[in-house]
Amino acid sequence: MVFAPASGFKIEVDIEKSCSPQADPIWKIVFDLYKKKATGDGFDQLVHASFKGGTPVIQQGIEATAANGINEKQADVIINEAGPAVLDLKDSASMTPQELEAKKKEVVAASTKVANFALE
């Protein structure tokens, strides 16, 4: 999924699968934030945020999303909750550690909702 959270920005949302050292699957929701280049075409990557969720249910939801795509409820959460939180991370270099941690928690909370909505 690709969407524009604000003018001059885009977020790509991907589902990735990797493996643990024991060969167990690890499913992730990945958000990549890009900003349009000031001159010329193209975008520069600003943020790479990866959420893997720590419970089997969350993992099942992310896996289901990989198999079935993003449903309407998930899209709403991505656009209205995760997107703004990821966009705010563009200023992470100037955030206090507390502000940065709060934004990360917003991304985690939204990602958890996305995974859970896959199982409804």
PDB file of N, CA and C in Angstrom:
ATOM      1  N   MET A   1       0.858  -1.166   0.000  1.00  0.00           N
ATOM      2  CA  MET A   1       0.000   0.000   0.000  1.00  0.00           C
ATOM      3  C   MET A   1       0.902   1.226   0.000  1.00  0.00           C
ATOM      4  N   VAL A   2       0.549   2.223  -0.820  1.00  0.00           N
ATOM      5  CA  VAL A   2       1.262   3.495  -0.857  1.00  0.00           C
ATOM      6  C   VAL A   2       0.227   4.602  -0.711  1.00  0.00           C
ATOM      7  N   PHE A   3       0.512   5.590   0.141  1.00  0.00           N
ATOM      8  CA  PHE A   3      -0.391   6.730   0.278  1.00  0.00           C
ATOM      9  C   PHE A   3       0.391   7.971   0.657  1.00  0.00           C
ATOM     10  N   ALA A   4      -0.242   9.122   0.456  1.00  0.00           N
ATOM     11  CA  ALA A   4       0.385  10.408   0.758  1.00  0.00           C
ATOM     12  C   ALA A   4      -0.210  10.963   2.054  1.00  0.00           C
ATOM     13  N   PRO A   5       0.552  10.954   3.152  1.00  0.00           N
ATOM     14  CA  PRO A   5       0.028  11.464   4.417  1.00  0.00           C
ATOM     15  C   PRO A   5       0.000  12.993   4.469  1.00  0.00           C
ATOM     16  N   ALA A   6       0.756  13.641   3.592  1.00  0.00           N
ATOM     17  CA  ALA A   6       0.815  15.102   3.505  1.00  0.00           C
ATOM     18  C   ALA A   6       1.447  15.443   2.155  1.00  0.00           C
ATOM     19  N   SER A   7       1.269  16.665   1.737  1.00  0.00           N
ATOM     20  CA  SER A   7       1.838  17.100   0.473  1.00  0.00           C
ATOM     21  C   SER A   7       3.363  16.942   0.483  1.00  0.00           C
ATOM     22  N   GLY A   8       3.893  16.317  -0.571  1.00  0.00           N
ATOM     23  CA  GLY A   8       5.336  16.148  -0.687  1.00  0.00           C
ATOM     24  C   GLY A   8       5.888  14.924   0.018  1.00  0.00           C
ATOM     25  N   PHE A   9       5.028  14.106   0.618  1.00  0.00           N
ATOM     26  CA  PHE A   9       5.452  12.896   1.332  1.00  0.00           C
ATOM     27  C   PHE A   9       4.674  11.695   0.809  1.00  0.00           C
ATOM     28  N   LYS A  10       5.264  10.524   0.965  1.00  0.00           N
ATOM     29  CA  LYS A  10       4.538   9.280   0.723  1.00  0.00           C
ATOM     30  C   LYS A  10       5.011   8.238   1.721  1.00  0.00           C
ATOM     31  N   ILE A  11       4.090   7.338   2.028  1.00  0.00           N
ATOM     32  CA  ILE A  11       4.404   6.216   2.909  1.00  0.00           C
ATOM     33  C   ILE A  11       4.106   4.937   2.144  1.00  0.00           C
ATOM     34  N   GLU A  12       5.085   4.042   2.140  1.00  0.00           N
ATOM     35  CA  GLU A  12       4.886   2.704   1.595  1.00  0.00           C
ATOM     36  C   GLU A  12       4.711   1.757   2.773  1.00  0.00           C
ATOM     37  N   VAL A  13       3.670   0.935   2.698  1.00  0.00           N
ATOM     38  CA  VAL A  13       3.408  -0.060   3.738  1.00  0.00           C
ATOM     39  C   VAL A  13       3.604  -1.432   3.109  1.00  0.00           C
ATOM     40  N   ASP A  14       4.460  -2.230   3.713  1.00  0.00           N
ATOM     41  CA  ASP A  14       4.756  -3.566   3.214  1.00  0.00           C
ATOM     42  C   ASP A  14       4.608  -4.584   4.333  1.00  0.00           C
ATOM     43  N   ILE A  15       4.345  -5.808   3.932  1.00  0.00           N
ATOM     44  CA  ILE A  15       4.380  -6.935   4.859  1.00  0.00           C
ATOM     45  C   ILE A  15       5.618  -7.746   4.487  1.00  0.00           C
ATOM     46  N   GLU A  16       6.456  -8.019   5.472  1.00  0.00           N
ATOM     47  CA  GLU A  16       7.681  -8.778   5.236  1.00  0.00           C
ATOM     48  C   GLU A  16       7.694 -10.019   6.113  1.00  0.00           C
ATOM     49  N   LYS A  17       8.375 -11.033   5.611  1.00  0.00           N
ATOM     50  CA  LYS A  17       8.547 -12.265   6.375  1.00  0.00           C
ATOM     51  C   LYS A  17      10.038 -12.561   6.484  1.00  0.00           C
ATOM     52  N   SER A  18      10.482 -12.831   7.697  1.00  0.00           N
ATOM     53  CA  SER A  18      11.850 -13.290   7.914  1.00  0.00           C
ATOM     54  C   SER A  18      11.757 -14.526   8.807  1.00  0.00           C
ATOM     55  N   CYS A  19      12.881 -15.022   9.242  1.00  0.00           N
ATOM     56  CA  CYS A  19      12.884 -16.230  10.073  1.00  0.00           C
ATOM     57  C   CYS A  19      13.726 -16.017  11.330  1.00  0.00           C
ATOM     58  N   SER A  20      13.315 -16.684  12.385  1.00  0.00           N
ATOM     59  CA  SER A  20      14.090 -16.688  13.622  1.00  0.00           C
ATOM     60  C   SER A  20      15.264 -17.645  13.449  1.00  0.00           C
ATOM     61  N   PRO A  21      16.206 -17.642  14.393  1.00  0.00           N
ATOM     62  CA  PRO A  21      17.310 -18.611  14.322  1.00  0.00           C
ATOM     63  C   PRO A  21      16.819 -20.070  14.359  1.00  0.00           C
ATOM     64  N   GLN A  22      15.614 -20.292  14.864  1.00  0.00           N
ATOM     65  CA  GLN A  22      15.036 -21.633  14.911  1.00  0.00           C
ATOM     66  C   GLN A  22      14.173 -21.918  13.677  1.00  0.00           C
ATOM     67  N   ALA A  23      14.239 -21.034  12.684  1.00  0.00           N
ATOM     68  CA  ALA A  23      13.494 -21.163  11.419  1.00  0.00           C
ATOM     69  C   ALA A  23      11.990 -20.948  11.577  1.00  0.00           C
ATOM     70  N   ASP A  24      11.569 -20.279  12.652  1.00  0.00           N
ATOM     71  CA  ASP A  24      10.159 -19.908  12.802  1.00  0.00           C
ATOM     72  C   ASP A  24       9.905 -18.628  12.009  1.00  0.00           C
ATOM     73  N   PRO A  25       8.739 -18.518  11.359  1.00  0.00           N
ATOM     74  CA  PRO A  25       8.464 -17.298  10.592  1.00  0.00           C
ATOM     75  C   PRO A  25       8.253 -16.094  11.514  1.00  0.00           C
ATOM     76  N   ILE A  26       8.735 -14.947  11.074  1.00  0.00           N
ATOM     77  CA  ILE A  26       8.529 -13.678  11.774  1.00  0.00           C
ATOM     78  C   ILE A  26       7.914 -12.725  10.748  1.00  0.00           C
ATOM     79  N   TRP A  27       6.672 -12.321  11.004  1.00  0.00           N
ATOM     80  CA  TRP A  27       5.959 -11.419  10.102  1.00  0.00           C
ATOM     81  C   TRP A  27       6.075  -9.995  10.614  1.00  0.00           C
ATOM     82  N   LYS A  28       6.242  -9.031   9.691  1.00  0.00           N
ATOM     83  CA  LYS A  28       6.428  -7.627  10.060  1.00  0.00           C
ATOM     84  C   LYS A  28       5.562  -6.728   9.186  1.00  0.00           C
ATOM     85  N   ILE A  29       5.095  -5.642   9.789  1.00  0.00           N
ATOM     86  CA  ILE A  29       4.497  -4.534   9.035  1.00  0.00           C
ATOM     87  C   ILE A  29       5.572  -3.458   8.971  1.00  0.00           C
ATOM     88  N   VAL A  30       5.885  -3.005   7.770  1.00  0.00           N
ATOM     89  CA  VAL A  30       6.966  -2.041   7.578  1.00  0.00           C
ATOM     90  C   VAL A  30       6.400  -0.757   6.974  1.00  0.00           C
ATOM     91  N   PHE A  31       6.776   0.361   7.582  1.00  0.00           N
ATOM     92  CA  PHE A  31       6.394   1.683   7.094  1.00  0.00           C
ATOM     93  C   PHE A  31       7.662   2.410   6.653  1.00  0.00           C
ATOM     94  N   ASP A  32       7.703   2.826   5.398  1.00  0.00           N
ATOM     95  CA  ASP A  32       8.811   3.632   4.884  1.00  0.00           C
ATOM     96  C   ASP A  32       8.257   4.991   4.477  1.00  0.00           C
ATOM     97  N   LEU A  33       8.802   6.048   5.109  1.00  0.00           N
ATOM     98  CA  LEU A  33       8.381   7.419   4.824  1.00  0.00           C
ATOM     99  C   LEU A  33       9.387   8.065   3.883  1.00  0.00           C
ATOM    100  N   TYR A  34       8.873   8.670   2.825  1.00  0.00           N
ATOM    101  CA  TYR A  34       9.698   9.352   1.830  1.00  0.00           C
ATOM    102  C   TYR A  34       9.254  10.797   1.677  1.00  0.00           C
ATOM    103  N   LYS A  35      10.212  11.671   1.377  1.00  0.00           N
ATOM    104  CA  LYS A  35       9.932  13.075   1.094  1.00  0.00           C
ATOM    105  C   LYS A  35      10.361  13.371  -0.334  1.00  0.00           C
ATOM    106  N   LYS A  36       9.513  14.089  -1.059  1.00  0.00           N
ATOM    107  CA  LYS A  36       9.822  14.452  -2.439  1.00  0.00           C
ATOM    108  C   LYS A  36      11.077  15.299  -2.464  1.00  0.00           C
ATOM    109  N   LYS A  37      11.957  15.007  -3.418  1.00  0.00           N
ATOM    110  CA  LYS A  37      13.196  15.763  -3.550  1.00  0.00           C
ATOM    111  C   LYS A  37      12.876  17.205  -3.929  1.00  0.00           C
ATOM    112  N   ALA A  38      13.683  18.138  -3.423  1.00  0.00           N
ATOM    113  CA  ALA A  38      13.471  19.563  -3.694  1.00  0.00           C
ATOM    114  C   ALA A  38      13.673  19.875  -5.175  1.00  0.00           C
ATOM    115  N   THR A  39      14.610  19.206  -5.795  1.00  0.00           N
ATOM    116  CA  THR A  39      14.854  19.403  -7.223  1.00  0.00           C
ATOM    117  C   THR A  39      14.805  18.058  -7.927  1.00  0.00           C
ATOM    118  N   GLY A  40      14.236  18.044  -9.098  1.00  0.00           N
ATOM    119  CA  GLY A  40      14.173  16.814  -9.871  1.00  0.00           C
ATOM    120  C   GLY A  40      13.064  15.898  -9.407  1.00  0.00           C
ATOM    121  N   ASP A  41      13.104  14.706  -9.955  1.00  0.00           N
ATOM    122  CA  ASP A  41      12.091  13.709  -9.626  1.00  0.00           C
ATOM    123  C   ASP A  41      12.578  12.805  -8.505  1.00  0.00           C
ATOM    124  N   GLY A  42      11.652  12.102  -7.940  1.00  0.00           N
ATOM    125  CA  GLY A  42      12.010  11.099  -6.951  1.00  0.00           C
ATOM    126  C   GLY A  42      11.805  11.538  -5.519  1.00  0.00           C
ATOM    127  N   PHE A  43      12.095  10.604  -4.636  1.00  0.00           N
ATOM    128  CA  PHE A  43      11.891  10.800  -3.205  1.00  0.00           C
ATOM    129  C   PHE A  43      13.127  10.333  -2.444  1.00  0.00           C
ATOM    130  N   ASP A  44      13.344  10.927  -1.274  1.00  0.00           N
ATOM    131  CA  ASP A  44      14.389  10.496  -0.345  1.00  0.00           C
ATOM    132  C   ASP A  44      13.721   9.816   0.837  1.00  0.00           C
ATOM    133  N   GLN A  45      14.266   8.675   1.254  1.00  0.00           N
ATOM    134  CA  GLN A  45      13.726   7.977   2.412  1.00  0.00           C
ATOM    135  C   GLN A  45      14.144   8.694   3.692  1.00  0.00           C
ATOM    136  N   LEU A  46      13.154   8.932   4.564  1.00  0.00           N
ATOM    137  CA  LEU A  46      13.410   9.592   5.845  1.00  0.00           C
ATOM    138  C   LEU A  46      13.311   8.625   7.024  1.00  0.00           C
ATOM    139  N   VAL A  47      12.348   7.708   6.958  1.00  0.00           N
ATOM    140  CA  VAL A  47      12.058   6.839   8.097  1.00  0.00           C
ATOM    141  C   VAL A  47      11.799   5.421   7.598  1.00  0.00           C
ATOM    142  N   HIS A  48      12.323   4.450   8.335  1.00  0.00           N
ATOM    143  CA  HIS A  48      12.008   3.034   8.125  1.00  0.00           C
ATOM    144  C   HIS A  48      11.570   2.499   9.481  1.00  0.00           C
ATOM    145  N   ALA A  49      10.282   2.188   9.617  1.00  0.00           N
ATOM    146  CA  ALA A  49       9.751   1.684  10.883  1.00  0.00           C
ATOM    147  C   ALA A  49       9.200   0.286  10.660  1.00  0.00           C
ATOM    148  N   SER A  50       9.663  -0.666  11.456  1.00  0.00           N
ATOM    149  CA  SER A  50       9.273  -2.061  11.313  1.00  0.00           C
ATOM    150  C   SER A  50       8.605  -2.532  12.597  1.00  0.00           C
ATOM    151  N   PHE A  51       7.442  -3.168  12.459  1.00  0.00           N
ATOM    152  CA  PHE A  51       6.686  -3.675  13.616  1.00  0.00           C
ATOM    153  C   PHE A  51       6.494  -5.175  13.426  1.00  0.00           C
ATOM    154  N   LYS A  52       6.927  -5.967  14.416  1.00  0.00           N
ATOM    155  CA  LYS A  52       6.735  -7.403  14.295  1.00  0.00           C
ATOM    156  C   LYS A  52       5.744  -7.973  15.295  1.00  0.00           C
ATOM    157  N   GLY A  53       5.335  -7.234  16.272  1.00  0.00           N
ATOM    158  CA  GLY A  53       4.359  -7.749  17.225  1.00  0.00           C
ATOM    159  C   GLY A  53       4.901  -8.957  17.967  1.00  0.00           C
ATOM    160  N   GLY A  54       4.636  -9.055  19.226  1.00  0.00           N
ATOM    161  CA  GLY A  54       5.266 -10.083  20.027  1.00  0.00           C
ATOM    162  C   GLY A  54       4.404 -11.273  20.374  1.00  0.00           C
ATOM    163  N   THR A  55       3.176 -11.315  19.901  1.00  0.00           N
ATOM    164  CA  THR A  55       2.316 -12.440  20.278  1.00  0.00           C
ATOM    165  C   THR A  55       1.956 -13.270  19.041  1.00  0.00           C
ATOM    166  N   PRO A  56       1.618 -14.532  19.260  1.00  0.00           N
ATOM    167  CA  PRO A  56       1.195 -15.363  18.123  1.00  0.00           C
ATOM    168  C   PRO A  56      -0.030 -14.806  17.396  1.00  0.00           C
ATOM    169  N   VAL A  57      -0.948 -14.191  18.130  1.00  0.00           N
ATOM    170  CA  VAL A  57      -2.142 -13.628  17.493  1.00  0.00           C
ATOM    171  C   VAL A  57      -1.767 -12.470  16.573  1.00  0.00           C
ATOM    172  N   ILE A  58      -0.889 -11.595  17.023  1.00  0.00           N
ATOM    173  CA  ILE A  58      -0.427 -10.481  16.183  1.00  0.00           C
ATOM    174  C   ILE A  58       0.281 -11.028  14.946  1.00  0.00           C
ATOM    175  N   GLN A  59       1.123 -12.030  15.137  1.00  0.00           N
ATOM    176  CA  GLN A  59       1.811 -12.645  14.002  1.00  0.00           C
ATOM    177  C   GLN A  59       0.814 -13.239  13.011  1.00  0.00           C
ATOM    178  N   GLN A  60      -0.244 -13.881  13.511  1.00  0.00           N
ATOM    179  CA  GLN A  60      -1.275 -14.434  12.631  1.00  0.00           C
ATOM    180  C   GLN A  60      -1.981 -13.332  11.846  1.00  0.00           C
ATOM    181  N   GLY A  61      -2.231 -12.200  12.503  1.00  0.00           N
ATOM    182  CA  GLY A  61      -2.882 -11.081  11.818  1.00  0.00           C
ATOM    183  C   GLY A  61      -2.021 -10.509  10.715  1.00  0.00           C
ATOM    184  N   ILE A  62      -0.732 -10.374  10.974  1.00  0.00           N
ATOM    185  CA  ILE A  62       0.171  -9.850   9.939  1.00  0.00           C
ATOM    186  C   ILE A  62       0.276 -10.858   8.794  1.00  0.00           C
ATOM    187  N   GLU A  63       0.366 -12.143   9.113  1.00  0.00           N
ATOM    188  CA  GLU A  63       0.414 -13.173   8.070  1.00  0.00           C
ATOM    189  C   GLU A  63      -0.869 -13.163   7.242  1.00  0.00           C
ATOM    190  N   ALA A  64      -2.015 -13.015   7.893  1.00  0.00           N
ATOM    191  CA  ALA A  64      -3.292 -12.956   7.173  1.00  0.00           C
ATOM    192  C   ALA A  64      -3.334 -11.748   6.237  1.00  0.00           C
ATOM    193  N   THR A  65      -2.750 -10.645   6.669  1.00  0.00           N
ATOM    194  CA  THR A  65      -2.696  -9.461   5.816  1.00  0.00           C
ATOM    195  C   THR A  65      -1.848  -9.731   4.579  1.00  0.00           C
ATOM    196  N   ALA A  66      -0.749 -10.441   4.765  1.00  0.00           N
ATOM    197  CA  ALA A  66       0.098 -10.801   3.619  1.00  0.00           C
ATOM    198  C   ALA A  66      -0.680 -11.654   2.627  1.00  0.00           C
ATOM    199  N   ALA A  67      -1.510 -12.565   3.124  1.00  0.00           N
ATOM    200  CA  ALA A  67      -2.259 -13.476   2.262  1.00  0.00           C
ATOM    201  C   ALA A  67      -3.473 -12.811   1.615  1.00  0.00           C
ATOM    202  N   ASN A  68      -4.146 -11.929   2.363  1.00  0.00           N
ATOM    203  CA  ASN A  68      -5.438 -11.400   1.920  1.00  0.00           C
ATOM    204  C   ASN A  68      -5.417  -9.939   1.491  1.00  0.00           C
ATOM    205  N   GLY A  69      -4.325  -9.239   1.743  1.00  0.00           N
ATOM    206  CA  GLY A  69      -4.284  -7.809   1.463  1.00  0.00           C
ATOM    207  C   GLY A  69      -4.856  -7.012   2.618  1.00  0.00           C
ATOM    208  N   ILE A  70      -4.852  -5.707   2.457  1.00  0.00           N
ATOM    209  CA  ILE A  70      -5.328  -4.791   3.503  1.00  0.00           C
ATOM    210  C   ILE A  70      -6.823  -4.566   3.318  1.00  0.00           C
ATOM    211  N   ASN A  71      -7.585  -4.824   4.381  1.00  0.00           N
ATOM    212  CA  ASN A  71      -9.035  -4.614   4.298  1.00  0.00           C
ATOM    213  C   ASN A  71      -9.377  -3.160   4.655  1.00  0.00           C
ATOM    214  N   GLU A  72     -10.657  -2.835   4.591  1.00  0.00           N
ATOM    215  CA  GLU A  72     -11.097  -1.451   4.795  1.00  0.00           C
ATOM    216  C   GLU A  72     -10.769  -0.925   6.192  1.00  0.00           C
ATOM    217  N   LYS A  73     -11.002  -1.731   7.229  1.00  0.00           N
ATOM    218  CA  LYS A  73     -10.701  -1.294   8.599  1.00  0.00           C
ATOM    219  C   LYS A  73      -9.204  -1.058   8.780  1.00  0.00           C
ATOM    220  N   GLN A  74      -8.396  -1.951   8.218  1.00  0.00           N
ATOM    221  CA  GLN A  74      -6.950  -1.794   8.309  1.00  0.00           C
ATOM    222  C   GLN A  74      -6.501  -0.524   7.591  1.00  0.00           C
ATOM    223  N   ALA A  75      -7.050  -0.281   6.407  1.00  0.00           N
ATOM    224  CA  ALA A  75      -6.686   0.920   5.642  1.00  0.00           C
ATOM    225  C   ALA A  75      -7.025   2.175   6.429  1.00  0.00           C
ATOM    226  N   ASP A  76      -8.181   2.183   7.087  1.00  0.00           N
ATOM    227  CA  ASP A  76      -8.561   3.352   7.901  1.00  0.00           C
ATOM    228  C   ASP A  76      -7.542   3.605   9.005  1.00  0.00           C
ATOM    229  N   VAL A  77      -7.104   2.549   9.691  1.00  0.00           N
ATOM    230  CA  VAL A  77      -6.127   2.704  10.773  1.00  0.00           C
ATOM    231  C   VAL A  77      -4.783   3.167  10.211  1.00  0.00           C
ATOM    232  N   ILE A  78      -4.372   2.591   9.102  1.00  0.00           N
ATOM    233  CA  ILE A  78      -3.090   2.985   8.501  1.00  0.00           C
ATOM    234  C   ILE A  78      -3.109   4.457   8.119  1.00  0.00           C
ATOM    235  N   ILE A  79      -4.171   4.886   7.473  1.00  0.00           N
ATOM    236  CA  ILE A  79      -4.240   6.275   6.986  1.00  0.00           C
ATOM    237  C   ILE A  79      -4.455   7.265   8.125  1.00  0.00           C
ATOM    238  N   ASN A  80      -5.312   6.925   9.082  1.00  0.00           N
ATOM    239  CA  ASN A  80      -5.706   7.893  10.111  1.00  0.00           C
ATOM    240  C   ASN A  80      -4.902   7.834  11.409  1.00  0.00           C
ATOM    241  N   GLU A  81      -4.203   6.732  11.668  1.00  0.00           N
ATOM    242  CA  GLU A  81      -3.443   6.609  12.915  1.00  0.00           C
ATOM    243  C   GLU A  81      -1.954   6.365  12.658  1.00  0.00           C
ATOM    244  N   ALA A  82      -1.646   5.288  11.944  1.00  0.00           N
ATOM    245  CA  ALA A  82      -0.232   4.967  11.697  1.00  0.00           C
ATOM    246  C   ALA A  82       0.431   6.032  10.831  1.00  0.00           C
ATOM    247  N   GLY A  83      -0.238   6.450   9.769  1.00  0.00           N
ATOM    248  CA  GLY A  83       0.342   7.439   8.851  1.00  0.00           C
ATOM    249  C   GLY A  83       0.766   8.723   9.547  1.00  0.00           C
ATOM    250  N   PRO A  84      -0.129   9.359  10.313  1.00  0.00           N
ATOM    251  CA  PRO A  84       0.284  10.575  11.014  1.00  0.00           C
ATOM    252  C   PRO A  84       1.423  10.346  12.006  1.00  0.00           C
ATOM    253  N   ALA A  85       1.425   9.204  12.695  1.00  0.00           N
ATOM    254  CA  ALA A  85       2.504   8.915  13.651  1.00  0.00           C
ATOM    255  C   ALA A  85       3.837   8.720  12.925  1.00  0.00           C
ATOM    256  N   VAL A  86       3.814   8.003  11.803  1.00  0.00           N
ATOM    257  CA  VAL A  86       5.043   7.813  11.023  1.00  0.00           C
ATOM    258  C   VAL A  86       5.512   9.146  10.449  1.00  0.00           C
ATOM    259  N   LEU A  87       4.580   9.950   9.951  1.00  0.00           N
ATOM    260  CA  LEU A  87       4.937  11.263   9.405  1.00  0.00           C
ATOM    261  C   LEU A  87       5.610  12.126  10.466  1.00  0.00           C
ATOM    262  N   ASP A  88       5.126  12.065  11.694  1.00  0.00           N
ATOM    263  CA  ASP A  88       5.735  12.845  12.779  1.00  0.00           C
ATOM    264  C   ASP A  88       7.177  12.421  13.058  1.00  0.00           C
ATOM    265  N   LEU A  89       7.536  11.202  12.708  1.00  0.00           N
ATOM    266  CA  LEU A  89       8.905  10.726  12.938  1.00  0.00           C
ATOM    267  C   LEU A  89       9.922  11.398  12.017  1.00  0.00           C
ATOM    268  N   LYS A  90       9.453  12.135  11.013  1.00  0.00           N
ATOM    269  CA  LYS A  90      10.374  12.864  10.124  1.00  0.00           C
ATOM    270  C   LYS A  90      11.220  13.853  10.914  1.00  0.00           C
ATOM    271  N   ASP A  91      10.722  14.293  12.051  1.00  0.00           N
ATOM    272  CA  ASP A  91      11.427  15.249  12.910  1.00  0.00           C
ATOM    273  C   ASP A  91      12.099  14.555  14.093  1.00  0.00           C
ATOM    274  N   SER A  92      12.363  13.268  13.982  1.00  0.00           N
ATOM    275  CA  SER A  92      12.880  12.513  15.132  1.00  0.00           C
ATOM    276  C   SER A  92      14.223  13.033  15.638  1.00  0.00           C
ATOM    277  N   ALA A  93      15.030  13.606  14.763  1.00  0.00           N
ATOM    278  CA  ALA A  93      16.342  14.117  15.195  1.00  0.00           C
ATOM    279  C   ALA A  93      16.209  15.274  16.186  1.00  0.00           C
ATOM    280  N   SER A  94      15.092  15.997  16.116  1.00  0.00           N
ATOM    281  CA  SER A  94      14.916  17.139  17.018  1.00  0.00           C
ATOM    282  C   SER A  94      13.984  16.823  18.196  1.00  0.00           C
ATOM    283  N   MET A  95      13.545  15.575  18.305  1.00  0.00           N
ATOM    284  CA  MET A  95      12.652  15.189  19.405  1.00  0.00           C
ATOM    285  C   MET A  95      13.456  14.821  20.644  1.00  0.00           C
ATOM    286  N   THR A  96      12.824  15.037  21.791  1.00  0.00           N
ATOM    287  CA  THR A  96      13.404  14.535  23.030  1.00  0.00           C
ATOM    288  C   THR A  96      13.222  13.012  23.044  1.00  0.00           C
ATOM    289  N   PRO A  97      13.996  12.308  23.851  1.00  0.00           N
ATOM    290  CA  PRO A  97      13.797  10.857  23.937  1.00  0.00           C
ATOM    291  C   PRO A  97      12.359  10.480  24.324  1.00  0.00           C
ATOM    292  N   GLN A  98      11.733  11.288  25.173  1.00  0.00           N
ATOM    293  CA  GLN A  98      10.358  11.017  25.584  1.00  0.00           C
ATOM    294  C   GLN A  98       9.388  11.215  24.422  1.00  0.00           C
ATOM    295  N   GLU A  99       9.575  12.264  23.636  1.00  0.00           N
ATOM    296  CA  GLU A  99       8.714  12.504  22.472  1.00  0.00           C
ATOM    297  C   GLU A  99       8.872  11.385  21.448  1.00  0.00           C
ATOM    298  N   LEU A 100      10.100  10.976  21.207  1.00  0.00           N
ATOM    299  CA  LEU A 100      10.367   9.908  20.252  1.00  0.00           C
ATOM    300  C   LEU A 100       9.721   8.604  20.709  1.00  0.00           C
ATOM    301  N   GLU A 101       9.859   8.292  21.971  1.00  0.00           N
ATOM    302  CA  GLU A 101       9.261   7.071  22.506  1.00  0.00           C
ATOM    303  C   GLU A 101       7.739   7.110  22.391  1.00  0.00           C
ATOM    304  N   ALA A 102       7.130   8.263  22.635  1.00  0.00           N
ATOM    305  CA  ALA A 102       5.676   8.401  22.518  1.00  0.00           C
ATOM    306  C   ALA A 102       5.226   8.166  21.077  1.00  0.00           C
ATOM    307  N   LYS A 103       5.965   8.690  20.112  1.00  0.00           N
ATOM    308  CA  LYS A 103       5.614   8.502  18.697  1.00  0.00           C
ATOM    309  C   LYS A 103       5.769   7.041  18.303  1.00  0.00           C
ATOM    310  N   LYS A 104       6.826   6.409  18.786  1.00  0.00           N
ATOM    311  CA  LYS A 104       7.017   4.986  18.492  1.00  0.00           C
ATOM    312  C   LYS A 104       5.855   4.171  19.049  1.00  0.00           C
ATOM    313  N   LYS A 105       5.395   4.519  20.247  1.00  0.00           N
ATOM    314  CA  LYS A 105       4.264   3.815  20.849  1.00  0.00           C
ATOM    315  C   LYS A 105       2.996   3.993  20.022  1.00  0.00           C
ATOM    316  N   GLU A 106       2.813   5.173  19.418  1.00  0.00           N
ATOM    317  CA  GLU A 106       1.661   5.406  18.540  1.00  0.00           C
ATOM    318  C   GLU A 106       1.725   4.488  17.319  1.00  0.00           C
ATOM    319  N   VAL A 107       2.909   4.335  16.744  1.00  0.00           N
ATOM    320  CA  VAL A 107       3.077   3.445  15.588  1.00  0.00           C
ATOM    321  C   VAL A 107       2.796   2.002  15.995  1.00  0.00           C
ATOM    322  N   VAL A 108       3.290   1.589  17.142  1.00  0.00           N
ATOM    323  CA  VAL A 108       3.066   0.225  17.632  1.00  0.00           C
ATOM    324  C   VAL A 108       1.573  -0.009  17.884  1.00  0.00           C
ATOM    325  N   ALA A 109       0.895   0.938  18.514  1.00  0.00           N
ATOM    326  CA  ALA A 109      -0.531   0.789  18.801  1.00  0.00           C
ATOM    327  C   ALA A 109      -1.338   0.673  17.508  1.00  0.00           C
ATOM    328  N   ALA A 110      -1.034   1.514  16.543  1.00  0.00           N
ATOM    329  CA  ALA A 110      -1.748   1.461  15.264  1.00  0.00           C
ATOM    330  C   ALA A 110      -1.441   0.159  14.530  1.00  0.00           C
ATOM    331  N   SER A 111      -0.198  -0.277  14.559  1.00  0.00           N
ATOM    332  CA  SER A 111       0.185  -1.526  13.889  1.00  0.00           C
ATOM    333  C   SER A 111      -0.507  -2.722  14.528  1.00  0.00           C
ATOM    334  N   THR A 112      -0.650  -2.699  15.834  1.00  0.00           N
ATOM    335  CA  THR A 112      -1.361  -3.764  16.537  1.00  0.00           C
ATOM    336  C   THR A 112      -2.814  -3.819  16.077  1.00  0.00           C
ATOM    337  N   LYS A 113      -3.445  -2.653  15.941  1.00  0.00           N
ATOM    338  CA  LYS A 113      -4.818  -2.610  15.436  1.00  0.00           C
ATOM    339  C   LYS A 113      -4.902  -3.177  14.025  1.00  0.00           C
ATOM    340  N   VAL A 114      -3.942  -2.806  13.187  1.00  0.00           N
ATOM    341  CA  VAL A 114      -3.937  -3.308  11.810  1.00  0.00           C
ATOM    342  C   VAL A 114      -3.893  -4.834  11.822  1.00  0.00           C
ATOM    343  N   ALA A 115      -3.022  -5.402  12.622  1.00  0.00           N
ATOM    344  CA  ALA A 115      -2.912  -6.868  12.694  1.00  0.00           C
ATOM    345  C   ALA A 115      -4.199  -7.489  13.222  1.00  0.00           C
ATOM    346  N   ASN A 116      -4.777  -6.897  14.252  1.00  0.00           N
ATOM    347  CA  ASN A 116      -5.998  -7.450  14.830  1.00  0.00           C
ATOM    348  C   ASN A 116      -7.180  -7.374  13.864  1.00  0.00           C
ATOM    349  N   PHE A 117      -7.277  -6.296  13.090  1.00  0.00           N
ATOM    350  CA  PHE A 117      -8.379  -6.148  12.137  1.00  0.00           C
ATOM    351  C   PHE A 117      -8.281  -7.161  11.000  1.00  0.00           C
ATOM    352  N   ALA A 118      -7.146  -7.757  10.780  1.00  0.00           N
ATOM    353  CA  ALA A 118      -7.010  -8.791   9.747  1.00  0.00           C
ATOM    354  C   ALA A 118      -7.736 -10.064  10.151  1.00  0.00           C
ATOM    355  N   LEU A 119      -7.947 -10.242  11.443  1.00  0.00           N
ATOM    356  CA  LEU A 119      -8.536 -11.481  11.946  1.00  0.00           C
ATOM    357  C   LEU A 119     -10.040 -11.374  12.194  1.00  0.00           C
ATOM    358  N   GLU A 120     -10.619 -10.236  11.870  1.00  0.00           N
ATOM    359  CA  GLU A 120     -12.074 -10.081  12.090  1.00  0.00           C
ATOM    360  C   GLU A 120     -12.857 -10.636  10.935  1.00  0.00           C
TER     361      GLU A 120
END
